[in-house]
Amino acid sequence: MSKTKKENKVKDFRVNLVDDATHRQIWERKFTRGSFIAAIISFILILSLVVYCLVAFTPIRNTIPGYPDAQAKRDAIQNALKIDSLESIISRWDLYSRNLELIVNGEEPIRIDSTIRARQQERMSSLESDLAGKDSLLRQTVQEEEQFAISGGEGRQLPIEGVHFFTPLSGVVSQGFDPVLHPYIDITAPAGSVVLSVLDGTVIFAGWNDESGYTIQIQHAGDIVSIYKHNQTLLKKTGDKVSAGASIALVGNTGSLTTGDHLHFELWYKGDAVDPTKYIKF
């Protein structure tokens, strides 16, 4: 009985395509159970590959909910710029209304320079309070090393990882750092925004360049150099001493290698360009 069942077990299959009127065989295909399963698996794999290619390399991916396309990124940057512009306009109108009220009351109006200095002082005080704990621990470590002459010199300098940088400009990083093609970053912000020095230092160049426009370069301690390009106006000149957080320029669109208002920012450490976003929060 078992032998009969084995003999009746179907091993091969055949599919025929026959003309119903003439019963002429048009197409015939033979296959086994294993080849049929292999064909199904191959079909699924090929279909998955085709779907992946369509989603990854064609505009179809933009139809996926939540997928950020190029237009969405541009809209996000434009919205951020509009918000910054609106904040600047509101601040100017607020200052205008306060000055108008003071003038009507016969009092001295508020100057813009004093307002900028006050905001810088508030920013510096908040940063100092946030870093008070870390600075105290670092100072204690340095004092212990100097007490026992561990450093071996008077001019001890911290590596760039231990340096606290000021943010040169509050804006949107429109193009990031690439060590070969783009060894700097571009920060988009409204024209006239104040550019700040990232550290204490000395201005080693402040002038005009046909490609970079109004450019300012600052030498800092620890073999650190910061460069600011495409400015609208320079507020410092070569040889000036600047402090961290001091106003050095205004954002602009000068020079031939620019297409809009932004700050071209470079950070150099011991002769090599480094990624500013690793050490500065924008």
Protein backbone atom coordinates (compact mmCIF):
# COMPACT_ATOMS: atom_id res chain seq x y z
CA MET A 1 0.00 0.00 0.00
CA SER A 2 2.82 2.41 0.86
CA LYS A 3 4.57 1.52 -2.39
CA THR A 4 1.47 2.48 -4.38
CA LYS A 5 1.35 5.86 -2.64
CA LYS A 6 4.98 6.52 -3.48
CA GLU A 7 4.39 5.67 -7.13
CA ASN A 8 1.38 8.02 -7.28
CA LYS A 9 3.29 10.92 -5.73
CA VAL A 10 3.50 13.78 -8.23
CA LYS A 11 7.03 15.04 -8.91
CA ASP A 12 6.75 17.03 -12.13
CA PHE A 13 4.19 19.58 -13.30
CA ARG A 14 3.35 20.98 -16.70
CA VAL A 15 1.49 24.08 -17.80
CA ASN A 16 0.05 24.17 -21.33
CA LEU A 17 -1.44 27.04 -23.26
CA VAL A 18 -3.89 25.61 -25.86
CA ASP A 19 -6.06 27.27 -28.49
CA ASP A 20 -9.64 26.47 -27.45
CA ALA A 21 -10.95 26.36 -31.03
CA THR A 22 -8.25 24.23 -32.72
CA HIS A 23 -6.77 22.56 -29.60
CA ARG A 24 -3.37 23.53 -30.93
CA GLN A 25 -0.69 23.76 -28.28
CA ILE A 26 0.71 27.31 -28.20
CA TRP A 27 3.04 27.22 -25.16
CA GLU A 28 4.25 24.58 -22.72
CA ARG A 29 6.22 24.86 -19.51
CA LYS A 30 7.46 22.01 -17.30
CA PHE A 31 8.62 22.54 -13.74
CA THR A 32 9.11 20.77 -10.44
CA ARG A 33 7.99 21.75 -6.97
CA GLY A 34 11.51 23.00 -6.13
CA SER A 35 11.85 25.09 -9.30
CA PHE A 36 8.41 26.62 -8.66
CA ILE A 37 9.39 27.69 -5.13
CA ALA A 38 12.69 29.08 -6.44
CA ALA A 39 10.84 31.06 -9.11
CA ILE A 40 8.46 32.56 -6.50
CA ILE A 41 11.38 33.58 -4.25
CA SER A 42 13.25 35.09 -7.19
CA PHE A 43 10.16 37.05 -8.22
CA ILE A 44 9.73 38.45 -4.69
CA LEU A 45 13.40 39.46 -4.50
CA ILE A 46 13.33 41.17 -7.89
CA LEU A 47 10.09 42.96 -7.02
CA SER A 48 11.58 44.16 -3.72
CA LEU A 49 14.70 45.42 -5.53
CA VAL A 50 12.61 47.29 -8.09
CA VAL A 51 10.49 48.91 -5.37
CA TYR A 52 13.62 49.92 -3.42
CA CYS A 53 15.21 51.50 -6.51
CA LEU A 54 12.03 53.42 -7.29
CA VAL A 55 11.81 54.77 -3.74
CA ALA A 56 15.52 55.52 -3.31
CA PHE A 57 16.46 56.99 -6.68
CA THR A 58 13.28 58.58 -8.07
CA PRO A 59 11.02 61.46 -6.95
CA ILE A 60 8.50 58.87 -5.72
CA ARG A 61 10.24 59.02 -2.33
CA ASN A 62 8.91 62.56 -1.89
CA THR A 63 5.39 61.13 -1.64
CA ILE A 64 6.32 59.26 1.56
CA PRO A 65 4.78 61.14 4.54
CA GLY A 66 7.46 62.84 6.61
CA TYR A 67 10.28 62.44 4.06
CA PRO A 68 12.18 65.78 3.84
CA ASP A 69 12.74 66.75 0.22
CA ALA A 70 14.93 69.60 -1.01
CA GLN A 71 11.99 72.01 -1.17
CA ALA A 72 11.07 71.24 2.44
CA LYS A 73 14.65 71.97 3.54
CA ARG A 74 14.65 75.26 1.63
CA ASP A 75 11.29 76.18 3.17
CA ALA A 76 12.63 75.40 6.65
CA ILE A 77 15.64 77.69 6.09
CA GLN A 78 13.43 80.45 4.69
CA ASN A 79 11.04 80.15 7.63
CA ALA A 80 13.94 80.37 10.08
CA LEU A 81 15.21 83.49 8.31
CA LYS A 82 11.75 85.04 8.35
CA ILE A 83 11.46 84.35 12.08
CA ASP A 84 14.83 86.02 12.71
CA SER A 85 13.80 88.97 10.54
CA LEU A 86 10.49 89.32 12.39
CA GLU A 87 12.30 89.19 15.74
CA SER A 88 14.67 91.93 14.57
CA ILE A 89 11.75 94.07 13.35
CA ILE A 90 9.87 93.58 16.63
CA SER A 91 12.98 94.52 18.59
CA ARG A 92 13.47 97.68 16.52
CA TRP A 93 9.82 98.70 16.92
CA ASP A 94 10.01 98.02 20.64
CA LEU A 95 13.14 100.18 20.89
CA TYR A 96 11.46 102.87 18.77
CA SER A 97 8.35 102.95 20.97
CA ARG A 98 10.43 103.08 24.16
CA ASN A 99 12.58 105.92 22.78
CA LEU A 100 9.46 107.80 21.64
CA GLU A 101 7.99 107.50 25.11
CA LEU A 102 11.22 108.70 26.70
CA ILE A 103 11.46 111.68 24.35
CA VAL A 104 7.83 112.66 25.04
CA ASN A 105 8.60 112.52 28.77
CA GLY A 106 11.70 114.68 28.23
CA GLU A 107 14.18 111.92 29.06
CA GLU A 108 17.31 110.72 27.23
CA PRO A 109 16.58 108.05 24.55
CA ILE A 110 18.20 104.63 24.63
CA ARG A 111 21.15 104.14 22.28
CA ILE A 112 21.48 101.01 20.12
CA ASP A 113 25.09 100.50 21.20
CA SER A 114 24.08 100.33 24.84
CA THR A 115 21.34 97.81 24.01
CA ILE A 116 23.81 95.56 22.17
CA ARG A 117 26.27 95.74 25.06
CA ALA A 118 23.51 94.92 27.54
CA ARG A 119 22.47 91.85 25.54
CA GLN A 120 26.09 90.72 25.30
CA GLN A 121 26.50 91.12 29.05
CA GLU A 122 23.33 89.10 29.68
CA ARG A 123 24.56 86.35 27.31
CA MET A 124 27.97 86.28 28.95
CA SER A 125 26.52 86.18 32.48
CA SER A 126 24.20 83.28 31.57
CA LEU A 127 27.05 81.35 29.97
CA GLU A 128 29.29 81.98 32.96
CA SER A 129 26.63 80.72 35.36
CA ASP A 130 26.11 77.56 33.28
CA LEU A 131 29.81 76.81 33.12
CA ALA A 132 30.64 77.79 36.69
CA GLY A 133 30.73 74.21 37.92
CA LYS A 134 32.84 72.95 35.03
CA ASP A 135 35.22 75.91 35.23
CA SER A 136 35.75 75.48 38.96
CA LEU A 137 36.66 71.81 38.49
CA LEU A 138 39.01 72.66 35.64
CA ARG A 139 40.67 75.45 37.60
CA GLN A 140 41.19 73.14 40.56
CA THR A 141 42.87 70.55 38.32
CA VAL A 142 45.14 73.18 36.76
CA GLN A 143 46.10 74.59 40.17
CA GLU A 144 46.99 71.14 41.47
CA GLU A 145 49.17 70.49 38.43
CA GLU A 146 50.91 73.85 38.74
CA GLN A 147 51.41 73.36 42.47
CA PHE A 148 53.46 70.23 41.91
CA ALA A 149 55.01 71.50 38.63
CA ILE A 150 53.33 68.80 36.56
CA SER A 151 52.87 71.01 33.51
CA GLY A 152 56.54 71.90 33.28
CA GLY A 153 55.94 75.48 32.04
CA GLU A 154 54.22 78.73 32.77
CA GLY A 155 52.30 79.09 29.47
CA ARG A 156 50.06 76.05 29.79
CA GLN A 157 47.50 75.87 26.96
CA LEU A 158 44.42 73.71 26.77
CA PRO A 159 43.69 71.60 23.67
CA ILE A 160 40.91 72.83 21.42
CA GLU A 161 38.47 70.34 23.02
CA GLY A 162 38.83 72.19 26.34
CA VAL A 163 38.30 75.69 24.93
CA HIS A 164 34.97 77.46 25.39
CA PHE A 165 33.95 79.22 22.16
CA PHE A 166 31.33 81.93 21.78
CA THR A 167 28.79 81.42 19.00
CA PRO A 168 29.83 83.83 16.22
CA LEU A 169 26.32 84.13 14.79
CA SER A 170 22.87 82.80 15.60
CA GLY A 171 21.48 81.40 12.36
CA VAL A 172 21.02 78.32 10.20
CA VAL A 173 24.01 76.26 9.05
CA SER A 174 23.11 76.09 5.37
CA GLN A 175 26.20 74.13 4.30
CA GLY A 176 28.26 71.95 6.59
CA PHE A 177 31.96 71.14 6.89
CA ASP A 178 33.79 68.90 4.43
CA PRO A 179 37.58 68.48 4.93
CA VAL A 180 38.24 68.28 1.16
CA LEU A 181 35.51 70.15 -0.74
CA HIS A 182 34.18 72.58 1.89
CA PRO A 183 36.62 73.06 4.84
CA TYR A 184 34.37 75.63 6.51
CA ILE A 185 30.67 76.24 7.23
CA ASP A 186 28.10 78.74 5.93
CA ILE A 187 25.69 80.30 8.42
CA THR A 188 22.62 81.97 6.93
CA ALA A 189 21.22 84.98 8.76
CA PRO A 190 19.54 88.31 7.93
CA ALA A 191 21.74 91.09 6.60
CA GLY A 192 23.06 93.35 9.32
CA SER A 193 23.14 90.66 12.01
CA VAL A 194 26.04 91.13 14.43
CA VAL A 195 29.04 88.78 14.08
CA LEU A 196 30.89 88.03 17.33
CA SER A 197 34.44 86.93 18.03
CA VAL A 198 34.60 83.32 19.22
CA LEU A 199 37.58 83.92 21.57
CA ASP A 200 39.91 86.60 22.87
CA GLY A 201 42.52 87.48 20.28
CA THR A 202 44.18 89.94 17.91
CA VAL A 203 42.91 90.92 14.46
CA ILE A 204 45.63 89.88 11.99
CA PHE A 205 43.69 90.92 8.88
CA ALA A 206 40.68 93.14 8.27
CA GLY A 207 40.02 94.23 4.72
CA TRP A 208 38.55 93.59 1.29
CA ASN A 209 38.99 90.57 -0.98
CA ASP A 210 37.42 90.30 -4.44
CA GLU A 211 36.21 86.74 -3.82
CA SER A 212 35.51 86.86 -0.06
CA GLY A 213 34.36 90.47 0.27
CA TYR A 214 34.95 92.12 3.65
CA THR A 215 37.00 89.59 5.61
CA ILE A 216 38.37 89.57 9.14
CA GLN A 217 40.87 87.09 10.60
CA ILE A 218 41.63 86.76 14.31
CA GLN A 219 44.59 85.02 15.93
CA HIS A 220 43.74 83.36 19.26
CA ALA A 221 45.82 81.63 21.89
CA GLY A 222 46.67 77.96 21.42
CA ASP A 223 47.39 78.22 17.67
CA ILE A 224 43.71 78.87 16.91
CA VAL A 225 42.65 81.17 14.06
CA SER A 226 39.07 82.16 13.19
CA ILE A 227 38.08 83.66 9.81
CA TYR A 228 34.86 85.52 8.96
CA LYS A 229 34.05 86.31 5.29
CA HIS A 230 31.38 88.02 3.10
CA ASN A 231 30.62 90.65 5.75
CA GLN A 232 28.67 93.80 5.03
CA THR A 233 30.80 95.97 7.33
CA LEU A 234 33.87 95.41 9.50
CA LEU A 235 33.80 96.84 13.03
CA LYS A 236 37.47 96.16 13.80
CA LYS A 237 40.76 96.88 12.03
CA THR A 238 44.06 95.05 11.77
CA GLY A 239 45.95 95.08 15.07
CA ASP A 240 42.90 95.54 17.30
CA LYS A 241 42.59 93.44 20.44
CA VAL A 242 39.19 91.77 20.73
CA SER A 243 37.54 89.89 23.55
CA ALA A 244 35.35 86.80 23.34
CA GLY A 245 31.81 87.79 22.34
CA ALA A 246 32.85 91.23 21.02
CA SER A 247 31.14 92.60 17.90
CA ILE A 248 33.55 92.44 14.95
CA ALA A 249 31.39 92.67 11.80
CA LEU A 250 27.89 92.69 10.31
CA VAL A 251 26.50 89.92 8.11
CA GLY A 252 26.39 90.74 4.41
CA ASN A 253 26.69 89.42 0.87
CA THR A 254 29.99 90.90 -0.38
CA GLY A 255 32.45 89.25 -2.73
CA SER A 256 32.04 87.21 -5.92
CA LEU A 257 31.77 83.79 -4.21
CA THR A 258 28.42 84.35 -2.52
CA THR A 259 24.77 84.11 -3.52
CA GLY A 260 23.02 85.50 -0.44
CA ASP A 261 23.37 87.02 3.00
CA HIS A 262 25.41 84.63 5.15
CA LEU A 263 28.60 84.25 7.17
CA HIS A 264 31.45 82.14 5.81
CA PHE A 265 33.16 80.89 9.00
CA GLU A 266 36.46 79.02 9.22
CA LEU A 267 38.20 77.61 12.29
CA TRP A 268 41.87 76.59 12.13
CA TYR A 269 43.85 74.72 14.78
CA LYS A 270 47.63 74.26 14.44
CA GLY A 271 47.46 74.89 10.69
CA ASP A 272 44.58 72.50 9.95
CA ALA A 273 40.95 73.37 9.23
CA VAL A 274 38.58 71.81 11.80
CA ASP A 275 34.81 71.41 11.90
CA PRO A 276 33.43 74.32 13.97
CA THR A 277 30.18 72.45 14.74
CA LYS A 278 32.18 69.99 16.91
CA TYR A 279 33.17 72.75 19.31
CA ILE A 280 30.55 75.50 18.87
CA LYS A 281 26.78 75.24 19.27
CA PHE A 282 24.96 77.09 16.48
